């Protein structure tokens, strides 16, 4: 009887999706709140558009810089822990062996089964260190290009998200009409964004869309109320 090859499909772009979520969600809510808050204080849309574009520019730079620094911090932390593990494997091998033993015992292996694994690790110190980094500390080797990619992804996602609620003010001269359309478009964009995110992450797209519109809507509403209160 012919067999069908089993092909596993796993989602492996979680860091990039996280960056898009960070940038897009903030881009959809913060410029919306600013534009909506200003719409109650000014009578012309070009002031809202100018202020909104300035906020998007500043926000994308700030968010991108934050992503860059976060990724750099992760890389520096990894290098620091890597150097420490190399030193411990060399200077405190007995303690490291005990830590390996405890890790495998948690997986149900007996001491008899663990002994040859320890012997193999001691013959390859670099692999031993790599194992400790992953299974003792839970750290994966960072991508050297991660910081730049994270900054660019977050910044562009923020710009894309920010232009959505601002678009109605660009094309519609009546400020109250622009506000109403901006609210509707932002809510739809939040749902679509959450739906697509669910598709990529493997959770129910409908549930993800509803969660995103609820959380993003509450955040945008709170920011809008605060902007109106201050204005």
C-alpha atoms as a PDB file:
ATOM      1  CA  UNK A   1       0.000   0.000   0.000  1.00  0.00           C
ATOM      2  CA  UNK A   2       1.578   3.348  -1.001  1.00  0.00           C
ATOM      3  CA  UNK A   3       2.388   5.738   1.773  1.00  0.00           C
ATOM      4  CA  UNK A   4       2.031   9.483   1.695  1.00  0.00           C
ATOM      5  CA  UNK A   5       5.010  11.463   2.885  1.00  0.00           C
ATOM      6  CA  UNK A   6       4.284  13.342   6.093  1.00  0.00           C
ATOM      7  CA  UNK A   7       5.114  17.001   5.706  1.00  0.00           C
ATOM      8  CA  UNK A   8       5.118  19.140   8.822  1.00  0.00           C
ATOM      9  CA  UNK A   9       4.340  22.816   8.455  1.00  0.00           C
ATOM     10  CA  UNK A  10       5.459  24.984  11.332  1.00  0.00           C
ATOM     11  CA  UNK A  11       5.293  28.729  11.610  1.00  0.00           C
ATOM     12  CA  UNK A  12       8.858  30.041  11.972  1.00  0.00           C
ATOM     13  CA  UNK A  13       8.542  33.800  11.485  1.00  0.00           C
ATOM     14  CA  UNK A  14       7.244  34.647  14.948  1.00  0.00           C
ATOM     15  CA  UNK A  15       9.749  37.471  15.521  1.00  0.00           C
ATOM     16  CA  UNK A  16       8.817  39.251  12.298  1.00  0.00           C
ATOM     17  CA  UNK A  17       5.102  38.865  13.013  1.00  0.00           C
ATOM     18  CA  UNK A  18       5.671  40.224  16.521  1.00  0.00           C
ATOM     19  CA  UNK A  19       7.388  43.295  15.044  1.00  0.00           C
ATOM     20  CA  UNK A  20       4.539  43.823  12.585  1.00  0.00           C
ATOM     21  CA  UNK A  21       1.981  43.491  15.375  1.00  0.00           C
ATOM     22  CA  UNK A  22       3.847  46.018  17.539  1.00  0.00           C
ATOM     23  CA  UNK A  23       4.202  48.558  14.737  1.00  0.00           C
ATOM     24  CA  UNK A  24       0.799  48.119  13.141  1.00  0.00           C
ATOM     25  CA  UNK A  25      -1.226  48.104  16.362  1.00  0.00           C
ATOM     26  CA  UNK A  26       0.418  51.289  17.622  1.00  0.00           C
ATOM     27  CA  UNK A  27       0.180  52.864  14.177  1.00  0.00           C
ATOM     28  CA  UNK A  28      -3.545  52.222  14.027  1.00  0.00           C
ATOM     29  CA  UNK A  29      -4.327  53.558  17.501  1.00  0.00           C
ATOM     30  CA  UNK A  30      -2.015  56.505  18.258  1.00  0.00           C
ATOM     31  CA  UNK A  31      -2.458  58.558  15.050  1.00  0.00           C
ATOM     32  CA  UNK A  32      -6.189  57.793  15.173  1.00  0.00           C
ATOM     33  CA  UNK A  33      -6.452  59.169  18.710  1.00  0.00           C
ATOM     34  CA  UNK A  34      -4.462  62.277  17.793  1.00  0.00           C
ATOM     35  CA  UNK A  35      -6.539  62.977  14.679  1.00  0.00           C
ATOM     36  CA  UNK A  36      -9.818  62.292  16.469  1.00  0.00           C
ATOM     37  CA  UNK A  37      -8.824  64.495  19.389  1.00  0.00           C
ATOM     38  CA  UNK A  38      -7.842  67.356  17.098  1.00  0.00           C
ATOM     39  CA  UNK A  39     -11.052  67.043  15.102  1.00  0.00           C
ATOM     40  CA  UNK A  40     -12.948  68.480  18.049  1.00  0.00           C
ATOM     41  CA  UNK A  41     -10.636  71.451  18.392  1.00  0.00           C
ATOM     42  CA  UNK A  42     -10.028  72.544  14.786  1.00  0.00           C
ATOM     43  CA  UNK A  43     -12.331  73.180  11.868  1.00  0.00           C
ATOM     44  CA  UNK A  44     -10.054  72.314   8.946  1.00  0.00           C
ATOM     45  CA  UNK A  45      -8.711  68.917   7.994  1.00  0.00           C
ATOM     46  CA  UNK A  46      -5.283  70.053   6.771  1.00  0.00           C
ATOM     47  CA  UNK A  47      -4.233  70.831  10.355  1.00  0.00           C
ATOM     48  CA  UNK A  48      -5.228  67.308  11.390  1.00  0.00           C
ATOM     49  CA  UNK A  49      -3.357  65.859   8.423  1.00  0.00           C
ATOM     50  CA  UNK A  50      -0.208  67.873   9.135  1.00  0.00           C
ATOM     51  CA  UNK A  51      -0.210  66.935  12.808  1.00  0.00           C
ATOM     52  CA  UNK A  52      -1.000  63.312  11.965  1.00  0.00           C
ATOM     53  CA  UNK A  53       1.837  63.004   9.456  1.00  0.00           C
ATOM     54  CA  UNK A  54       4.255  64.592  11.920  1.00  0.00           C
ATOM     55  CA  UNK A  55       3.165  62.089  14.575  1.00  0.00           C
ATOM     56  CA  UNK A  56       3.537  59.157  12.183  1.00  0.00           C
ATOM     57  CA  UNK A  57       7.052  60.293  11.262  1.00  0.00           C
ATOM     58  CA  UNK A  58       8.096  60.744  14.888  1.00  0.00           C
ATOM     59  CA  UNK A  59       6.312  57.608  16.062  1.00  0.00           C
ATOM     60  CA  UNK A  60       7.815  55.372  13.385  1.00  0.00           C
ATOM     61  CA  UNK A  61      11.321  56.601  14.206  1.00  0.00           C
ATOM     62  CA  UNK A  62      10.784  56.131  17.941  1.00  0.00           C
ATOM     63  CA  UNK A  63       9.221  52.683  17.530  1.00  0.00           C
ATOM     64  CA  UNK A  64      11.885  51.562  15.068  1.00  0.00           C
ATOM     65  CA  UNK A  65      14.641  52.752  17.377  1.00  0.00           C
ATOM     66  CA  UNK A  66      12.999  50.901  20.250  1.00  0.00           C
ATOM     67  CA  UNK A  67      12.920  47.698  18.215  1.00  0.00           C
ATOM     68  CA  UNK A  68      16.560  48.140  17.224  1.00  0.00           C
ATOM     69  CA  UNK A  69      17.710  48.680  20.797  1.00  0.00           C
ATOM     70  CA  UNK A  70      15.643  45.742  22.053  1.00  0.00           C
ATOM     71  CA  UNK A  71      17.172  43.399  19.468  1.00  0.00           C
ATOM     72  CA  UNK A  72      20.671  44.697  20.226  1.00  0.00           C
ATOM     73  CA  UNK A  73      20.080  44.137  23.935  1.00  0.00           C
ATOM     74  CA  UNK A  74      18.992  40.552  23.264  1.00  0.00           C
ATOM     75  CA  UNK A  75      22.135  39.942  21.198  1.00  0.00           C
ATOM     76  CA  UNK A  76      24.400  41.435  23.857  1.00  0.00           C
ATOM     77  CA  UNK A  77      22.697  39.361  26.556  1.00  0.00           C
ATOM     78  CA  UNK A  78      23.223  36.215  24.485  1.00  0.00           C
ATOM     79  CA  UNK A  79      26.924  36.963  23.987  1.00  0.00           C
ATOM     80  CA  UNK A  80      27.370  37.591  27.702  1.00  0.00           C
ATOM     81  CA  UNK A  81      25.662  34.336  28.673  1.00  0.00           C
ATOM     82  CA  UNK A  82      27.576  32.435  25.978  1.00  0.00           C
ATOM     83  CA  UNK A  83      30.911  33.591  27.375  1.00  0.00           C
ATOM     84  CA  UNK A  84      29.794  32.635  30.884  1.00  0.00           C
ATOM     85  CA  UNK A  85      28.718  29.142  29.775  1.00  0.00           C
ATOM     86  CA  UNK A  86      32.033  28.565  27.969  1.00  0.00           C
ATOM     87  CA  UNK A  87      33.873  29.513  31.165  1.00  0.00           C
ATOM     88  CA  UNK A  88      31.696  27.252  33.334  1.00  0.00           C
ATOM     89  CA  UNK A  89      32.072  24.244  31.018  1.00  0.00           C
ATOM     90  CA  UNK A  90      35.832  24.697  31.207  1.00  0.00           C
ATOM     91  CA  UNK A  91      36.208  25.603  34.892  1.00  0.00           C
ATOM     92  CA  UNK A  92      33.200  23.904  36.542  1.00  0.00           C
ATOM     93  CA  UNK A  93      32.490  20.808  34.437  1.00  0.00           C
ATOM     94  CA  UNK A  94      31.065  18.783  37.346  1.00  0.00           C
ATOM     95  CA  UNK A  95      28.407  21.379  38.041  1.00  0.00           C
ATOM     96  CA  UNK A  96      27.511  21.638  34.360  1.00  0.00           C
ATOM     97  CA  UNK A  97      27.257  17.850  34.137  1.00  0.00           C
ATOM     98  CA  UNK A  98      24.839  17.875  37.051  1.00  0.00           C
ATOM     99  CA  UNK A  99      22.747  20.539  35.331  1.00  0.00           C
ATOM    100  CA  UNK A 100      22.616  18.421  32.155  1.00  0.00           C
ATOM    101  CA  UNK A 101      21.603  15.412  34.227  1.00  0.00           C
ATOM    102  CA  UNK A 102      18.770  17.355  35.857  1.00  0.00           C
ATOM    103  CA  UNK A 103      17.519  18.567  32.480  1.00  0.00           C
ATOM    104  CA  UNK A 104      17.310  15.045  31.071  1.00  0.00           C
ATOM    105  CA  UNK A 105      15.828  13.678  34.287  1.00  0.00           C
ATOM    106  CA  UNK A 106      12.990  16.139  33.808  1.00  0.00           C
ATOM    107  CA  UNK A 107      12.385  14.427  30.446  1.00  0.00           C
ATOM    108  CA  UNK A 108      12.198  11.033  32.147  1.00  0.00           C
ATOM    109  CA  UNK A 109      15.633   9.649  31.220  1.00  0.00           C
ATOM    110  CA  UNK A 110      17.448   7.389  33.667  1.00  0.00           C
ATOM    111  CA  UNK A 111      21.034   7.913  34.851  1.00  0.00           C
ATOM    112  CA  UNK A 112      22.047   4.919  32.712  1.00  0.00           C
ATOM    113  CA  UNK A 113      20.654   6.649  29.612  1.00  0.00           C
ATOM    114  CA  UNK A 114      22.185   9.997  30.499  1.00  0.00           C
ATOM    115  CA  UNK A 115      25.806   8.779  30.950  1.00  0.00           C
ATOM    116  CA  UNK A 116      26.579   8.295  27.203  1.00  0.00           C
ATOM    117  CA  UNK A 117      24.960  11.662  26.428  1.00  0.00           C
ATOM    118  CA  UNK A 118      27.283  13.345  28.935  1.00  0.00           C
ATOM    119  CA  UNK A 119      30.280  11.585  27.417  1.00  0.00           C
ATOM    120  CA  UNK A 120      29.338  12.776  23.935  1.00  0.00           C
ATOM    121  CA  UNK A 121      28.867  16.339  25.161  1.00  0.00           C
ATOM    122  CA  UNK A 122      32.223  16.413  26.961  1.00  0.00           C
ATOM    123  CA  UNK A 123      33.924  15.444  23.714  1.00  0.00           C
ATOM    124  CA  UNK A 124      32.355  18.458  21.968  1.00  0.00           C
ATOM    125  CA  UNK A 125      32.449  21.455  24.331  1.00  0.00           C
ATOM    126  CA  UNK A 126      30.932  23.858  21.796  1.00  0.00           C
ATOM    127  CA  UNK A 127      27.892  21.633  21.336  1.00  0.00           C
ATOM    128  CA  UNK A 128      27.676  21.260  25.106  1.00  0.00           C
ATOM    129  CA  UNK A 129      27.576  25.030  25.512  1.00  0.00           C
ATOM    130  CA  UNK A 130      24.974  25.307  22.753  1.00  0.00           C
ATOM    131  CA  UNK A 131      22.823  22.751  24.571  1.00  0.00           C
ATOM    132  CA  UNK A 132      23.077  24.664  27.856  1.00  0.00           C
ATOM    133  CA  UNK A 133      22.188  27.929  26.164  1.00  0.00           C
ATOM    134  CA  UNK A 134      19.024  26.422  24.723  1.00  0.00           C
ATOM    135  CA  UNK A 135      17.798  24.070  27.418  1.00  0.00           C
ATOM    136  CA  UNK A 136      19.138  25.640  30.617  1.00  0.00           C
ATOM    137  CA  UNK A 137      18.772  29.327  29.744  1.00  0.00           C
ATOM    138  CA  UNK A 138      16.157  29.140  26.982  1.00  0.00           C
ATOM    139  CA  UNK A 139      18.233  31.349  24.653  1.00  0.00           C
ATOM    140  CA  UNK A 140      18.489  30.940  20.885  1.00  0.00           C
ATOM    141  CA  UNK A 141      21.426  32.275  18.878  1.00  0.00           C
ATOM    142  CA  UNK A 142      20.308  35.687  17.575  1.00  0.00           C
ATOM    143  CA  UNK A 143      20.413  36.667  13.933  1.00  0.00           C
ATOM    144  CA  UNK A 144      23.081  39.336  13.345  1.00  0.00           C
ATOM    145  CA  UNK A 145      20.722  41.211  11.030  1.00  0.00           C
ATOM    146  CA  UNK A 146      17.851  41.025  13.515  1.00  0.00           C
ATOM    147  CA  UNK A 147      18.276  44.543  14.949  1.00  0.00           C
ATOM    148  CA  UNK A 148      18.125  46.294  11.569  1.00  0.00           C
ATOM    149  CA  UNK A 149      15.290  44.098  10.328  1.00  0.00           C
ATOM    150  CA  UNK A 150      13.283  44.652  13.509  1.00  0.00           C
ATOM    151  CA  UNK A 151      13.722  48.426  13.341  1.00  0.00           C
ATOM    152  CA  UNK A 152      12.693  48.574   9.681  1.00  0.00           C
ATOM    153  CA  UNK A 153       9.724  46.214  10.109  1.00  0.00           C
ATOM    154  CA  UNK A 154       8.325  48.065  13.121  1.00  0.00           C
ATOM    155  CA  UNK A 155       8.820  51.494  11.541  1.00  0.00           C
ATOM    156  CA  UNK A 156       7.195  50.557   8.220  1.00  0.00           C
ATOM    157  CA  UNK A 157       4.337  48.781   9.997  1.00  0.00           C
ATOM    158  CA  UNK A 158       3.750  51.884  12.109  1.00  0.00           C
ATOM    159  CA  UNK A 159       3.634  54.074   9.001  1.00  0.00           C
ATOM    160  CA  UNK A 160       1.238  51.687   7.240  1.00  0.00           C
ATOM    161  CA  UNK A 161      -1.008  51.515  10.273  1.00  0.00           C
ATOM    162  CA  UNK A 162      -0.912  55.264  10.877  1.00  0.00           C
ATOM    163  CA  UNK A 163      -1.928  56.203   7.347  1.00  0.00           C
ATOM    164  CA  UNK A 164      -5.137  54.168   7.575  1.00  0.00           C
ATOM    165  CA  UNK A 165      -7.028  56.354  10.099  1.00  0.00           C
ATOM    166  CA  UNK A 166      -5.482  59.499   8.614  1.00  0.00           C
ATOM    167  CA  UNK A 167      -6.534  58.770   5.022  1.00  0.00           C
ATOM    168  CA  UNK A 168     -10.110  60.052   5.430  1.00  0.00           C
ATOM    169  CA  UNK A 169      -8.813  63.444   6.593  1.00  0.00           C
ATOM    170  CA  UNK A 170      -6.629  63.639   3.491  1.00  0.00           C
ATOM    171  CA  UNK A 171      -9.460  63.015   1.020  1.00  0.00           C
ATOM    172  CA  UNK A 172     -12.530  64.396   2.822  1.00  0.00           C
ATOM    173  CA  UNK A 173     -12.689  68.155   3.596  1.00  0.00           C
ATOM    174  CA  UNK A 174     -15.524  67.976   6.156  1.00  0.00           C
ATOM    175  CA  UNK A 175     -13.867  67.207   9.446  1.00  0.00           C
ATOM    176  CA  UNK A 176     -16.783  65.479  11.206  1.00  0.00           C
ATOM    177  CA  UNK A 177     -17.430  63.288   8.169  1.00  0.00           C
ATOM    178  CA  UNK A 178     -13.727  62.452   8.032  1.00  0.00           C
ATOM    179  CA  UNK A 179     -13.816  61.525  11.726  1.00  0.00           C
ATOM    180  CA  UNK A 180     -16.750  59.151  11.275  1.00  0.00           C
ATOM    181  CA  UNK A 181     -15.119  57.417   8.314  1.00  0.00           C
ATOM    182  CA  UNK A 182     -11.802  57.269  10.185  1.00  0.00           C
ATOM    183  CA  UNK A 183     -13.466  55.450  13.089  1.00  0.00           C
ATOM    184  CA  UNK A 184     -15.134  52.949  10.755  1.00  0.00           C
ATOM    185  CA  UNK A 185     -12.011  52.345   8.665  1.00  0.00           C
ATOM    186  CA  UNK A 186      -9.832  51.924  11.765  1.00  0.00           C
ATOM    187  CA  UNK A 187     -12.180  49.318  13.262  1.00  0.00           C
ATOM    188  CA  UNK A 188     -12.317  47.412   9.970  1.00  0.00           C
ATOM    189  CA  UNK A 189      -8.519  47.594   9.654  1.00  0.00           C
ATOM    190  CA  UNK A 190      -8.104  46.251  13.200  1.00  0.00           C
ATOM    191  CA  UNK A 191     -10.339  43.295  12.401  1.00  0.00           C
ATOM    192  CA  UNK A 192      -8.606  42.537   9.086  1.00  0.00           C
ATOM    193  CA  UNK A 193      -5.203  42.866  10.745  1.00  0.00           C
ATOM    194  CA  UNK A 194      -6.208  40.469  13.519  1.00  0.00           C
ATOM    195  CA  UNK A 195      -7.756  38.043  11.026  1.00  0.00           C
ATOM    196  CA  UNK A 196      -4.557  37.896   8.949  1.00  0.00           C
ATOM    197  CA  UNK A 197      -2.458  37.577  12.098  1.00  0.00           C
ATOM    198  CA  UNK A 198      -4.564  34.578  13.114  1.00  0.00           C
ATOM    199  CA  UNK A 199      -3.962  32.972   9.717  1.00  0.00           C
ATOM    200  CA  UNK A 200      -0.212  33.285  10.134  1.00  0.00           C
ATOM    201  CA  UNK A 201      -0.010  32.229  13.784  1.00  0.00           C
ATOM    202  CA  UNK A 202      -2.316  29.229  13.500  1.00  0.00           C
ATOM    203  CA  UNK A 203      -5.108  30.413  15.805  1.00  0.00           C
ATOM    204  CA  UNK A 204      -8.727  30.992  14.774  1.00  0.00           C
ATOM    205  CA  UNK A 205      -8.670  33.970  12.372  1.00  0.00           C
ATOM    206  CA  UNK A 206     -12.168  35.050  13.408  1.00  0.00           C
ATOM    207  CA  UNK A 207     -11.284  34.921  17.096  1.00  0.00           C
ATOM    208  CA  UNK A 208      -8.020  36.763  16.465  1.00  0.00           C
ATOM    209  CA  UNK A 209      -9.844  39.426  14.463  1.00  0.00           C
ATOM    210  CA  UNK A 210     -12.460  39.967  17.157  1.00  0.00           C
ATOM    211  CA  UNK A 211      -9.823  40.098  19.898  1.00  0.00           C
ATOM    212  CA  UNK A 212      -7.798  42.637  17.939  1.00  0.00           C
ATOM    213  CA  UNK A 213     -10.772  44.862  17.218  1.00  0.00           C
ATOM    214  CA  UNK A 214     -11.803  44.702  20.893  1.00  0.00           C
ATOM    215  CA  UNK A 215      -8.362  45.420  22.350  1.00  0.00           C
ATOM    216  CA  UNK A 216      -7.361  47.911  19.657  1.00  0.00           C
ATOM    217  CA  UNK A 217     -10.756  49.591  19.820  1.00  0.00           C
ATOM    218  CA  UNK A 218     -10.536  49.989  23.581  1.00  0.00           C
ATOM    219  CA  UNK A 219      -6.998  51.367  23.308  1.00  0.00           C
ATOM    220  CA  UNK A 220      -7.994  53.788  20.545  1.00  0.00           C
ATOM    221  CA  UNK A 221     -11.097  54.823  22.460  1.00  0.00           C
ATOM    222  CA  UNK A 222      -9.133  55.468  25.630  1.00  0.00           C
ATOM    223  CA  UNK A 223      -6.520  57.482  23.745  1.00  0.00           C
ATOM    224  CA  UNK A 224      -9.281  59.422  21.949  1.00  0.00           C
ATOM    225  CA  UNK A 225     -11.031  60.232  25.259  1.00  0.00           C
ATOM    226  CA  UNK A 226      -7.753  61.396  26.770  1.00  0.00           C
ATOM    227  CA  UNK A 227      -6.991  63.573  23.740  1.00  0.00           C
ATOM    228  CA  UNK A 228     -10.467  65.144  23.918  1.00  0.00           C
ATOM    229  CA  UNK A 229     -10.094  65.676  27.672  1.00  0.00           C
ATOM    230  CA  UNK A 230      -6.779  67.441  27.267  1.00  0.00           C
ATOM    231  CA  UNK A 231      -7.980  69.400  24.246  1.00  0.00           C
END
